[in-house]
């Protein structure tokens, strides 16, 4: 099949998670203090990945979650990490 005739992949189903105000504040604080957290597709090469690692970058050093998460649960886990790092570092870095 010609490259331009390939079928489009289905969109990833991210679920219906929406962060709380507390989670949003924790995320803002973390980002302002050099802590960023985001998903990374574990199913490399697939156009519609279903499993994701979570990368946590603190002051330039990247750590990756040892386990993978389904697309529907990855965002809730990311915000759990944001809350964890906010609670852990807010008194030291403020």
C-alpha atoms as a PDB file:
ATOM      1  CA  UNK A   1       0.000   0.000   0.000  1.00  0.00           C
ATOM      2  CA  UNK A   2       1.329   3.425  -0.866  1.00  0.00           C
ATOM      3  CA  UNK A   3       2.565   5.544   2.039  1.00  0.00           C
ATOM      4  CA  UNK A   4      -0.092   8.189   1.459  1.00  0.00           C
ATOM      5  CA  UNK A   5      -2.897   5.583   1.383  1.00  0.00           C
ATOM      6  CA  UNK A   6      -2.390   4.242   4.910  1.00  0.00           C
ATOM      7  CA  UNK A   7      -5.399   4.298   7.190  1.00  0.00           C
ATOM      8  CA  UNK A   8      -5.393   6.760  10.052  1.00  0.00           C
ATOM      9  CA  UNK A   9      -4.987   5.299  13.511  1.00  0.00           C
ATOM     10  CA  UNK A  10      -7.729   5.637  16.084  1.00  0.00           C
ATOM     11  CA  UNK A  11      -7.183   8.365  18.636  1.00  0.00           C
ATOM     12  CA  UNK A  12      -5.868   7.264  22.024  1.00  0.00           C
ATOM     13  CA  UNK A  13      -8.609   7.033  24.636  1.00  0.00           C
ATOM     14  CA  UNK A  14      -7.282   9.112  27.555  1.00  0.00           C
ATOM     15  CA  UNK A  15     -10.380   8.555  29.687  1.00  0.00           C
ATOM     16  CA  UNK A  16     -12.280  11.313  31.442  1.00  0.00           C
ATOM     17  CA  UNK A  17      -9.854  12.370  34.189  1.00  0.00           C
ATOM     18  CA  UNK A  18      -9.871  16.037  35.162  1.00  0.00           C
ATOM     19  CA  UNK A  19      -7.483  17.408  37.743  1.00  0.00           C
ATOM     20  CA  UNK A  20      -8.604  19.074  40.944  1.00  0.00           C
ATOM     21  CA  UNK A  21      -7.683  22.626  41.909  1.00  0.00           C
ATOM     22  CA  UNK A  22      -5.184  21.229  44.440  1.00  0.00           C
ATOM     23  CA  UNK A  23      -3.567  19.066  41.757  1.00  0.00           C
ATOM     24  CA  UNK A  24      -3.375  22.069  39.441  1.00  0.00           C
ATOM     25  CA  UNK A  25      -1.662  24.178  42.120  1.00  0.00           C
ATOM     26  CA  UNK A  26       0.822  21.351  42.801  1.00  0.00           C
ATOM     27  CA  UNK A  27       1.591  21.076  39.071  1.00  0.00           C
ATOM     28  CA  UNK A  28       2.154  24.842  38.751  1.00  0.00           C
ATOM     29  CA  UNK A  29       4.432  24.889  41.795  1.00  0.00           C
ATOM     30  CA  UNK A  30       6.445  21.918  40.486  1.00  0.00           C
ATOM     31  CA  UNK A  31       6.894  23.410  37.025  1.00  0.00           C
ATOM     32  CA  UNK A  32       7.983  26.743  38.525  1.00  0.00           C
ATOM     33  CA  UNK A  33      10.589  24.853  40.579  1.00  0.00           C
ATOM     34  CA  UNK A  34      12.044  22.740  37.757  1.00  0.00           C
ATOM     35  CA  UNK A  35       9.973  19.572  38.215  1.00  0.00           C
ATOM     36  CA  UNK A  36       8.105  18.364  35.135  1.00  0.00           C
ATOM     37  CA  UNK A  37       6.201  15.117  34.712  1.00  0.00           C
ATOM     38  CA  UNK A  38       4.769  13.640  31.521  1.00  0.00           C
ATOM     39  CA  UNK A  39       3.839  10.447  29.655  1.00  0.00           C
ATOM     40  CA  UNK A  40       6.130   8.554  27.287  1.00  0.00           C
ATOM     41  CA  UNK A  41       4.733   5.883  24.972  1.00  0.00           C
ATOM     42  CA  UNK A  42       5.941   2.417  25.968  1.00  0.00           C
ATOM     43  CA  UNK A  43       4.652   0.931  22.723  1.00  0.00           C
ATOM     44  CA  UNK A  44       7.184   2.646  20.478  1.00  0.00           C
ATOM     45  CA  UNK A  45       6.436   2.445  16.801  1.00  0.00           C
ATOM     46  CA  UNK A  46       2.687   2.043  17.277  1.00  0.00           C
ATOM     47  CA  UNK A  47       0.486   4.820  15.979  1.00  0.00           C
ATOM     48  CA  UNK A  48      -1.963   4.262  18.849  1.00  0.00           C
ATOM     49  CA  UNK A  49      -0.002   3.387  21.992  1.00  0.00           C
ATOM     50  CA  UNK A  50      -1.902   1.925  24.920  1.00  0.00           C
ATOM     51  CA  UNK A  51       0.791   1.818  27.581  1.00  0.00           C
ATOM     52  CA  UNK A  52       2.855   4.693  28.890  1.00  0.00           C
ATOM     53  CA  UNK A  53       5.811   5.219  31.170  1.00  0.00           C
ATOM     54  CA  UNK A  54       5.910   8.390  33.231  1.00  0.00           C
ATOM     55  CA  UNK A  55       9.037  10.529  32.991  1.00  0.00           C
ATOM     56  CA  UNK A  56       9.859  12.744  35.954  1.00  0.00           C
ATOM     57  CA  UNK A  57      12.425  15.469  35.288  1.00  0.00           C
ATOM     58  CA  UNK A  58      13.875  17.240  38.338  1.00  0.00           C
ATOM     59  CA  UNK A  59      16.446  19.967  37.726  1.00  0.00           C
ATOM     60  CA  UNK A  60      17.472  18.328  34.424  1.00  0.00           C
ATOM     61  CA  UNK A  61      17.726  14.727  35.690  1.00  0.00           C
ATOM     62  CA  UNK A  62      15.144  12.352  34.199  1.00  0.00           C
ATOM     63  CA  UNK A  63      13.720   9.334  36.014  1.00  0.00           C
ATOM     64  CA  UNK A  64      11.271   6.901  34.440  1.00  0.00           C
ATOM     65  CA  UNK A  65       8.572   4.936  36.221  1.00  0.00           C
ATOM     66  CA  UNK A  66       9.452   1.232  36.362  1.00  0.00           C
ATOM     67  CA  UNK A  67       5.921   0.180  35.432  1.00  0.00           C
ATOM     68  CA  UNK A  68       3.659   1.266  32.612  1.00  0.00           C
ATOM     69  CA  UNK A  69       0.183   2.746  32.858  1.00  0.00           C
ATOM     70  CA  UNK A  70      -2.830   2.458  30.583  1.00  0.00           C
ATOM     71  CA  UNK A  71      -3.792   5.659  28.764  1.00  0.00           C
ATOM     72  CA  UNK A  72      -6.951   5.998  30.883  1.00  0.00           C
ATOM     73  CA  UNK A  73      -4.935   6.043  34.143  1.00  0.00           C
ATOM     74  CA  UNK A  74      -1.743   7.847  33.167  1.00  0.00           C
ATOM     75  CA  UNK A  75      -2.979  11.404  33.859  1.00  0.00           C
ATOM     76  CA  UNK A  76      -4.304  10.592  37.323  1.00  0.00           C
ATOM     77  CA  UNK A  77      -0.940   9.009  38.132  1.00  0.00           C
ATOM     78  CA  UNK A  78       0.949  12.034  36.800  1.00  0.00           C
ATOM     79  CA  UNK A  79      -0.999  14.314  39.119  1.00  0.00           C
ATOM     80  CA  UNK A  80      -0.357  11.939  42.050  1.00  0.00           C
ATOM     81  CA  UNK A  81       3.353  12.397  41.335  1.00  0.00           C
ATOM     82  CA  UNK A  82       2.933  16.188  41.161  1.00  0.00           C
ATOM     83  CA  UNK A  83       1.217  16.142  44.571  1.00  0.00           C
ATOM     84  CA  UNK A  84       3.956  13.900  45.973  1.00  0.00           C
ATOM     85  CA  UNK A  85       6.787  16.183  44.849  1.00  0.00           C
ATOM     86  CA  UNK A  86       4.909  19.299  45.918  1.00  0.00           C
ATOM     87  CA  UNK A  87       4.458  17.883  49.425  1.00  0.00           C
ATOM     88  CA  UNK A  88       8.052  16.636  49.537  1.00  0.00           C
ATOM     89  CA  UNK A  89       9.843  19.787  48.346  1.00  0.00           C
ATOM     90  CA  UNK A  90       7.615  22.817  48.921  1.00  0.00           C
ATOM     91  CA  UNK A  91       9.185  23.745  52.272  1.00  0.00           C
ATOM     92  CA  UNK A  92      12.754  23.211  51.008  1.00  0.00           C
ATOM     93  CA  UNK A  93      12.456  25.043  47.675  1.00  0.00           C
ATOM     94  CA  UNK A  94      10.047  27.858  48.478  1.00  0.00           C
END
